Amino acid sequence: MRERKPLDPARMDVVIAVLIALVSLTTALAAWRTNIVGSSAAQANRQGLIDAVKKGAAQNQSWRRLYEEAGYTATFAMESAAADAMEASEDEALQAAAKNMRQYLLPSLQLLSEPLGTQEKYLRSDGTYDLEKRLADLEAEDPDSLAIDPAASFELADRYASEQRWLTIGTVLLAISLFWLGLAEILSERGRATNLALGVGIFGASLLFILIVEIAAIWGRGGVL
């Protein structure tokens, strides 16, 4: 019995069939991973939008309280000045009105203006109030909102989206490898070896490309898949 040559048609058919099955499986896995990464990008982007809404709502609440306190503080200052002016008047009716203001109106306004209008740390040397400092204190009262970082979620979404684009390129390269292997399966011996070599070469390059993309992406995300 004559010994088969290393590249006889029967053996080549088996090798090509195995390679096609292997590349097909790898292409399916690459497509699956691409979809997973795309879903992660969408989820991270959605989380970024949610965080942005939450942080915006918390900031709006802080601004609302600040302007509310500032409004009462300004009203207290104006009414207090009016009471001073009425007390300085010789009109007993105005003096009585000033007394009522100091007894009923001004304490209520001062209570509503606190702590901006009552704590000395917010009062500047020129008599104005440090609204920036009060706003910082209001935001510090809600540490959970301070910990929210929409930019981090959006950055993570961009990293996933970038990885998805590169993995798509790798998947296309695998499909090209399948094309050449398919040609090797149907062509005669003259073109079979060349097409087989091209298919195997592109397959190896695709695997290396996808591996580099995955390692770089995971490293860039700090080890997060």
C-alpha atoms as a PDB file:
ATOM      1  CA  MET A   1       0.000   0.000   0.000  1.00  0.00           C
ATOM      2  CA  ARG A   2       1.366   3.361  -1.010  1.00  0.00           C
ATOM      3  CA  GLU A   3       1.894   5.806   1.884  1.00  0.00           C
ATOM      4  CA  ARG A   4      -0.252   8.919   1.662  1.00  0.00           C
ATOM      5  CA  LYS A   5       1.470  12.184   0.959  1.00  0.00           C
ATOM      6  CA  PRO A   6       1.185  14.898   3.645  1.00  0.00           C
ATOM      7  CA  LEU A   7      -0.984  17.047   1.362  1.00  0.00           C
ATOM      8  CA  ASP A   8      -3.160  14.477  -0.359  1.00  0.00           C
ATOM      9  CA  PRO A   9      -6.765  15.605  -1.121  1.00  0.00           C
ATOM     10  CA  ALA A  10      -8.439  13.483   1.555  1.00  0.00           C
ATOM     11  CA  ARG A  11      -6.234  14.785   4.328  1.00  0.00           C
ATOM     12  CA  MET A  12      -6.553  18.339   3.066  1.00  0.00           C
ATOM     13  CA  ASP A  13     -10.343  18.026   3.130  1.00  0.00           C
ATOM     14  CA  VAL A  14     -10.245  16.949   6.768  1.00  0.00           C
ATOM     15  CA  VAL A  15      -7.816  19.706   7.757  1.00  0.00           C
ATOM     16  CA  ILE A  16      -9.841  22.386   5.990  1.00  0.00           C
ATOM     17  CA  ALA A  17     -13.117  21.127   7.485  1.00  0.00           C
ATOM     18  CA  VAL A  18     -11.627  21.214  10.980  1.00  0.00           C
ATOM     19  CA  LEU A  19     -10.237  24.706  10.403  1.00  0.00           C
ATOM     20  CA  ILE A  20     -13.550  25.975   9.075  1.00  0.00           C
ATOM     21  CA  ALA A  21     -15.330  24.585  12.133  1.00  0.00           C
ATOM     22  CA  LEU A  22     -12.738  26.149  14.430  1.00  0.00           C
ATOM     23  CA  VAL A  23     -12.880  29.542  12.743  1.00  0.00           C
ATOM     24  CA  SER A  24     -16.697  29.445  12.681  1.00  0.00           C
ATOM     25  CA  LEU A  25     -16.769  28.758  16.416  1.00  0.00           C
ATOM     26  CA  THR A  26     -14.224  31.517  17.063  1.00  0.00           C
ATOM     27  CA  THR A  27     -16.244  33.956  14.933  1.00  0.00           C
ATOM     28  CA  ALA A  28     -19.394  33.130  16.888  1.00  0.00           C
ATOM     29  CA  LEU A  29     -17.560  33.673  20.187  1.00  0.00           C
ATOM     30  CA  ALA A  30     -16.116  36.957  18.934  1.00  0.00           C
ATOM     31  CA  ALA A  31     -19.582  38.127  17.855  1.00  0.00           C
ATOM     32  CA  TRP A  32     -20.974  37.110  21.249  1.00  0.00           C
ATOM     33  CA  ARG A  33     -18.242  39.023  23.064  1.00  0.00           C
ATOM     34  CA  THR A  34     -18.864  42.047  20.847  1.00  0.00           C
ATOM     35  CA  ASN A  35     -22.546  42.001  21.781  1.00  0.00           C
ATOM     36  CA  ILE A  36     -21.690  41.680  25.480  1.00  0.00           C
ATOM     37  CA  VAL A  37     -19.347  44.666  25.274  1.00  0.00           C
ATOM     38  CA  GLY A  38     -22.004  46.648  23.401  1.00  0.00           C
ATOM     39  CA  SER A  39     -24.550  45.879  26.120  1.00  0.00           C
ATOM     40  CA  SER A  40     -22.047  46.977  28.772  1.00  0.00           C
ATOM     41  CA  ALA A  41     -21.494  50.246  26.879  1.00  0.00           C
ATOM     42  CA  ALA A  42     -25.241  50.893  26.749  1.00  0.00           C
ATOM     43  CA  GLN A  43     -25.634  50.047  30.433  1.00  0.00           C
ATOM     44  CA  ALA A  44     -22.757  52.331  31.452  1.00  0.00           C
ATOM     45  CA  ASN A  45     -24.184  55.151  29.333  1.00  0.00           C
ATOM     46  CA  ARG A  46     -27.618  54.634  30.910  1.00  0.00           C
ATOM     47  CA  GLN A  47     -26.052  54.718  34.381  1.00  0.00           C
ATOM     48  CA  GLY A  48     -24.285  57.949  33.453  1.00  0.00           C
ATOM     49  CA  LEU A  49     -27.604  59.528  32.460  1.00  0.00           C
ATOM     50  CA  ILE A  50     -29.220  58.376  35.700  1.00  0.00           C
ATOM     51  CA  ASP A  51     -26.293  59.730  37.731  1.00  0.00           C
ATOM     52  CA  ALA A  52     -26.454  63.043  35.868  1.00  0.00           C
ATOM     53  CA  VAL A  53     -30.162  63.395  36.653  1.00  0.00           C
ATOM     54  CA  LYS A  54     -29.602  62.498  40.314  1.00  0.00           C
ATOM     55  CA  LYS A  55     -26.701  64.899  40.696  1.00  0.00           C
ATOM     56  CA  GLY A  56     -28.596  67.653  38.905  1.00  0.00           C
ATOM     57  CA  ALA A  57     -31.609  67.155  41.175  1.00  0.00           C
ATOM     58  CA  ALA A  58     -29.400  67.295  44.286  1.00  0.00           C
ATOM     59  CA  GLN A  59     -27.687  70.462  43.043  1.00  0.00           C
ATOM     60  CA  ASN A  60     -31.033  72.080  42.253  1.00  0.00           C
ATOM     61  CA  GLN A  61     -32.219  71.290  45.764  1.00  0.00           C
ATOM     62  CA  SER A  62     -29.082  72.880  47.236  1.00  0.00           C
ATOM     63  CA  TRP A  63     -29.535  75.989  45.089  1.00  0.00           C
ATOM     64  CA  ARG A  64     -33.214  76.201  46.063  1.00  0.00           C
ATOM     65  CA  ARG A  65     -32.362  76.134  49.772  1.00  0.00           C
ATOM     66  CA  LEU A  66     -29.572  78.659  49.261  1.00  0.00           C
ATOM     67  CA  TYR A  67     -31.788  81.170  47.493  1.00  0.00           C
ATOM     68  CA  GLU A  68     -34.553  80.603  50.005  1.00  0.00           C
ATOM     69  CA  GLU A  69     -32.217  81.366  52.895  1.00  0.00           C
ATOM     70  CA  ALA A  70     -30.721  84.320  51.003  1.00  0.00           C
ATOM     71  CA  GLY A  71     -34.201  85.708  50.351  1.00  0.00           C
ATOM     72  CA  TYR A  72     -35.186  85.536  54.001  1.00  0.00           C
ATOM     73  CA  THR A  73     -31.822  86.985  55.001  1.00  0.00           C
ATOM     74  CA  ALA A  74     -32.313  89.958  52.677  1.00  0.00           C
ATOM     75  CA  THR A  75     -35.870  90.461  53.895  1.00  0.00           C
ATOM     76  CA  PHE A  76     -34.696  90.321  57.506  1.00  0.00           C
ATOM     77  CA  ALA A  77     -32.011  92.919  56.815  1.00  0.00           C
ATOM     78  CA  MET A  78     -34.478  95.274  55.128  1.00  0.00           C
ATOM     79  CA  GLU A  79     -37.150  94.886  57.801  1.00  0.00           C
ATOM     80  CA  SER A  80     -34.541  95.286  60.531  1.00  0.00           C
ATOM     81  CA  ALA A  81     -33.365  98.551  58.912  1.00  0.00           C
ATOM     82  CA  ALA A  82     -36.971  99.689  58.658  1.00  0.00           C
ATOM     83  CA  ALA A  83     -37.492  98.943  62.350  1.00  0.00           C
ATOM     84  CA  ASP A  84     -34.388 100.957  63.211  1.00  0.00           C
ATOM     85  CA  ALA A  85     -35.710 103.888  61.198  1.00  0.00           C
ATOM     86  CA  MET A  86     -39.143 103.709  62.846  1.00  0.00           C
ATOM     87  CA  GLU A  87     -37.610 103.537  66.298  1.00  0.00           C
ATOM     88  CA  ALA A  88     -35.601 106.651  65.534  1.00  0.00           C
ATOM     89  CA  SER A  89     -38.774 108.477  64.575  1.00  0.00           C
ATOM     90  CA  GLU A  90     -40.625 110.692  67.056  1.00  0.00           C
ATOM     91  CA  ASP A  91     -43.909 109.213  65.912  1.00  0.00           C
ATOM     92  CA  GLU A  92     -45.198 106.989  68.676  1.00  0.00           C
ATOM     93  CA  ALA A  93     -47.254 104.924  66.198  1.00  0.00           C
ATOM     94  CA  LEU A  94     -44.143 104.137  64.208  1.00  0.00           C
ATOM     95  CA  GLN A  95     -42.267 103.279  67.379  1.00  0.00           C
ATOM     96  CA  ALA A  96     -45.066 100.912  68.388  1.00  0.00           C
ATOM     97  CA  ALA A  97     -45.005  99.329  64.945  1.00  0.00           C
ATOM     98  CA  ALA A  98     -41.243  98.871  65.238  1.00  0.00           C
ATOM     99  CA  LYS A  99     -41.719  97.201  68.610  1.00  0.00           C
ATOM    100  CA  ASN A 100     -44.239  94.771  67.113  1.00  0.00           C
ATOM    101  CA  MET A 101     -41.885  94.043  64.231  1.00  0.00           C
ATOM    102  CA  ARG A 102     -39.034  93.210  66.599  1.00  0.00           C
ATOM    103  CA  GLN A 103     -41.297  91.063  68.712  1.00  0.00           C
ATOM    104  CA  TYR A 104     -43.085  89.070  66.024  1.00  0.00           C
ATOM    105  CA  LEU A 105     -41.843  89.615  62.459  1.00  0.00           C
ATOM    106  CA  LEU A 106     -38.070  89.847  62.780  1.00  0.00           C
ATOM    107  CA  PRO A 107     -37.585  86.709  64.947  1.00  0.00           C
ATOM    108  CA  SER A 108     -39.596  84.672  62.417  1.00  0.00           C
ATOM    109  CA  LEU A 109     -37.598  86.041  59.478  1.00  0.00           C
ATOM    110  CA  GLN A 110     -34.333  85.403  61.287  1.00  0.00           C
ATOM    111  CA  LEU A 111     -35.401  81.846  62.035  1.00  0.00           C
ATOM    112  CA  LEU A 112     -36.245  81.252  58.363  1.00  0.00           C
ATOM    113  CA  SER A 113     -32.912  82.733  57.237  1.00  0.00           C
ATOM    114  CA  GLU A 114     -30.740  80.492  59.347  1.00  0.00           C
ATOM    115  CA  PRO A 115     -28.030  79.402  59.146  1.00  0.00           C
ATOM    116  CA  LEU A 116     -27.007  81.822  56.387  1.00  0.00           C
ATOM    117  CA  GLY A 117     -28.404  84.854  58.150  1.00  0.00           C
ATOM    118  CA  THR A 118     -27.463  83.806  61.689  1.00  0.00           C
ATOM    119  CA  GLN A 119     -24.001  82.235  61.593  1.00  0.00           C
ATOM    120  CA  GLU A 120     -21.020  84.570  61.502  1.00  0.00           C
ATOM    121  CA  LYS A 121     -18.948  82.271  59.299  1.00  0.00           C
ATOM    122  CA  TYR A 122     -21.110  83.225  56.332  1.00  0.00           C
ATOM    123  CA  LEU A 123     -20.833  86.980  56.971  1.00  0.00           C
ATOM    124  CA  ARG A 124     -18.031  88.710  55.083  1.00  0.00           C
ATOM    125  CA  SER A 125     -16.140  91.713  56.417  1.00  0.00           C
ATOM    126  CA  ASP A 126     -17.912  94.021  53.960  1.00  0.00           C
ATOM    127  CA  GLY A 127     -21.314  93.008  55.310  1.00  0.00           C
ATOM    128  CA  THR A 128     -22.281  90.705  52.453  1.00  0.00           C
ATOM    129  CA  TYR A 129     -22.888  86.978  52.770  1.00  0.00           C
ATOM    130  CA  ASP A 130     -20.673  84.222  51.428  1.00  0.00           C
ATOM    131  CA  LEU A 131     -23.158  82.284  49.290  1.00  0.00           C
ATOM    132  CA  GLU A 132     -20.472  80.046  47.791  1.00  0.00           C
ATOM    133  CA  LYS A 133     -19.443  78.827  51.224  1.00  0.00           C
ATOM    134  CA  ARG A 134     -23.050  78.165  52.198  1.00  0.00           C
ATOM    135  CA  LEU A 135     -23.616  76.255  48.930  1.00  0.00           C
ATOM    136  CA  ALA A 136     -20.552  74.112  49.624  1.00  0.00           C
ATOM    137  CA  ASP A 137     -21.889  73.307  53.076  1.00  0.00           C
ATOM    138  CA  LEU A 138     -25.303  72.417  51.654  1.00  0.00           C
ATOM    139  CA  GLU A 139     -23.727  70.015  49.160  1.00  0.00           C
ATOM    140  CA  ALA A 140     -21.575  68.497  51.913  1.00  0.00           C
ATOM    141  CA  GLU A 141     -24.746  67.656  53.837  1.00  0.00           C
ATOM    142  CA  ASP A 142     -25.541  65.070  51.153  1.00  0.00           C
ATOM    143  CA  PRO A 143     -22.409  62.913  50.776  1.00  0.00           C
ATOM    144  CA  ASP A 144     -24.240  60.446  48.552  1.00  0.00           C
ATOM    145  CA  SER A 145     -24.766  63.077  45.863  1.00  0.00           C
ATOM    146  CA  LEU A 146     -21.136  64.156  46.117  1.00  0.00           C
ATOM    147  CA  ALA A 147     -20.068  60.573  45.451  1.00  0.00           C
ATOM    148  CA  ILE A 148     -22.091  60.456  42.217  1.00  0.00           C
ATOM    149  CA  ASP A 149     -19.813  60.905  39.208  1.00  0.00           C
ATOM    150  CA  PRO A 150     -21.662  60.830  35.866  1.00  0.00           C
ATOM    151  CA  ALA A 151     -18.426  61.542  33.994  1.00  0.00           C
ATOM    152  CA  ALA A 152     -16.937  58.257  35.224  1.00  0.00           C
ATOM    153  CA  SER A 153     -19.909  56.300  33.866  1.00  0.00           C
ATOM    154  CA  PHE A 154     -19.752  58.103  30.525  1.00  0.00           C
ATOM    155  CA  GLU A 155     -16.015  57.477  30.312  1.00  0.00           C
ATOM    156  CA  LEU A 156     -16.593  53.776  30.995  1.00  0.00           C
ATOM    157  CA  ALA A 157     -19.272  53.723  28.283  1.00  0.00           C
ATOM    158  CA  ASP A 158     -16.789  55.278  25.831  1.00  0.00           C
ATOM    159  CA  ARG A 159     -14.209  52.631  26.690  1.00  0.00           C
ATOM    160  CA  TYR A 160     -16.703  49.836  26.089  1.00  0.00           C
ATOM    161  CA  ALA A 161     -17.857  51.432  22.830  1.00  0.00           C
ATOM    162  CA  SER A 162     -14.262  51.727  21.639  1.00  0.00           C
ATOM    163  CA  GLU A 163     -13.619  48.074  22.467  1.00  0.00           C
ATOM    164  CA  GLN A 164     -16.804  47.105  20.613  1.00  0.00           C
ATOM    165  CA  ARG A 165     -15.600  48.873  17.464  1.00  0.00           C
ATOM    166  CA  TRP A 166     -12.237  47.118  17.542  1.00  0.00           C
ATOM    167  CA  LEU A 167     -13.822  43.735  18.247  1.00  0.00           C
ATOM    168  CA  THR A 168     -16.104  44.277  15.268  1.00  0.00           C
ATOM    169  CA  ILE A 169     -13.010  44.703  13.105  1.00  0.00           C
ATOM    170  CA  GLY A 170     -11.601  41.467  14.550  1.00  0.00           C
ATOM    171  CA  THR A 171     -14.858  39.654  13.783  1.00  0.00           C
ATOM    172  CA  VAL A 172     -14.733  40.909  10.189  1.00  0.00           C
ATOM    173  CA  LEU A 173     -11.170  39.592   9.893  1.00  0.00           C
ATOM    174  CA  LEU A 174     -12.363  36.200  11.105  1.00  0.00           C
ATOM    175  CA  ALA A 175     -15.100  36.259   8.455  1.00  0.00           C
ATOM    176  CA  ILE A 176     -12.454  37.006   5.825  1.00  0.00           C
ATOM    177  CA  SER A 177     -10.485  34.029   7.095  1.00  0.00           C
ATOM    178  CA  LEU A 178     -13.600  31.880   6.643  1.00  0.00           C
ATOM    179  CA  PHE A 179     -13.911  33.156   3.089  1.00  0.00           C
ATOM    180  CA  TRP A 180     -10.400  32.017   2.158  1.00  0.00           C
ATOM    181  CA  LEU A 181     -10.834  28.682   3.894  1.00  0.00           C
ATOM    182  CA  GLY A 182     -14.079  28.202   1.994  1.00  0.00           C
ATOM    183  CA  LEU A 183     -12.262  28.842  -1.258  1.00  0.00           C
ATOM    184  CA  ALA A 184      -9.594  26.337  -0.248  1.00  0.00           C
ATOM    185  CA  GLU A 185     -12.297  23.741   0.295  1.00  0.00           C
ATOM    186  CA  ILE A 186     -13.843  24.077  -3.158  1.00  0.00           C
ATOM    187  CA  LEU A 187     -10.773  24.778  -5.306  1.00  0.00           C
ATOM    188  CA  SER A 188      -8.408  22.282  -6.819  1.00  0.00           C
ATOM    189  CA  GLU A 189      -4.963  21.482  -5.492  1.00  0.00           C
ATOM    190  CA  ARG A 190      -3.362  24.286  -7.466  1.00  0.00           C
ATOM    191  CA  GLY A 191      -5.067  27.074  -5.491  1.00  0.00           C
ATOM    192  CA  ARG A 192      -5.985  25.105  -2.387  1.00  0.00           C
ATOM    193  CA  ALA A 193      -2.680  25.416  -0.558  1.00  0.00           C
ATOM    194  CA  THR A 194      -2.453  29.162  -1.212  1.00  0.00           C
ATOM    195  CA  ASN A 195      -5.986  29.830  -0.033  1.00  0.00           C
ATOM    196  CA  LEU A 196      -5.468  27.603   2.982  1.00  0.00           C
ATOM    197  CA  ALA A 197      -2.310  29.496   3.909  1.00  0.00           C
ATOM    198  CA  LEU A 198      -4.132  32.823   3.538  1.00  0.00           C
ATOM    199  CA  GLY A 199      -7.050  31.621   5.643  1.00  0.00           C
ATOM    200  CA  VAL A 200      -4.822  30.281   8.397  1.00  0.00           C
ATOM    201  CA  GLY A 201      -2.642  33.388   8.344  1.00  0.00           C
ATOM    202  CA  ILE A 202      -5.603  35.773   8.620  1.00  0.00           C
ATOM    203  CA  PHE A 203      -7.128  33.584  11.333  1.00  0.00           C
ATOM    204  CA  GLY A 204      -3.924  33.748  13.393  1.00  0.00           C
ATOM    205  CA  ALA A 205      -3.652  37.512  12.867  1.00  0.00           C
ATOM    206  CA  SER A 206      -7.309  37.929  13.865  1.00  0.00           C
ATOM    207  CA  LEU A 207      -6.824  35.971  17.078  1.00  0.00           C
ATOM    208  CA  LEU A 208      -3.761  38.037  17.969  1.00  0.00           C
ATOM    209  CA  PHE A 209      -5.610  41.257  17.150  1.00  0.00           C
ATOM    210  CA  ILE A 210      -8.630  40.338  19.295  1.00  0.00           C
ATOM    211  CA  LEU A 211      -6.372  39.226  22.150  1.00  0.00           C
ATOM    212  CA  ILE A 212      -4.497  42.543  22.103  1.00  0.00           C
ATOM    213  CA  VAL A 213      -7.780  44.485  21.993  1.00  0.00           C
ATOM    214  CA  GLU A 214      -9.190  42.555  24.962  1.00  0.00           C
ATOM    215  CA  ILE A 215      -6.053  42.889  27.079  1.00  0.00           C
ATOM    216  CA  ALA A 216      -5.745  46.621  26.354  1.00  0.00           C
ATOM    217  CA  ALA A 217      -9.442  47.247  27.050  1.00  0.00           C
ATOM    218  CA  ILE A 218      -9.552  45.282  30.293  1.00  0.00           C
ATOM    219  CA  TRP A 219      -6.325  46.917  31.446  1.00  0.00           C
ATOM    220  CA  GLY A 220      -7.739  50.349  30.640  1.00  0.00           C
ATOM    221  CA  ARG A 221     -10.838  49.611  32.735  1.00  0.00           C
ATOM    222  CA  GLY A 222      -8.745  48.533  35.685  1.00  0.00           C
ATOM    223  CA  GLY A 223      -9.407  44.804  35.273  1.00  0.00           C
ATOM    224  CA  VAL A 224     -13.166  45.099  34.747  1.00  0.00           C
ATOM    225  CA  LEU A 225     -14.519  42.783  32.074  1.00  0.00           C
END
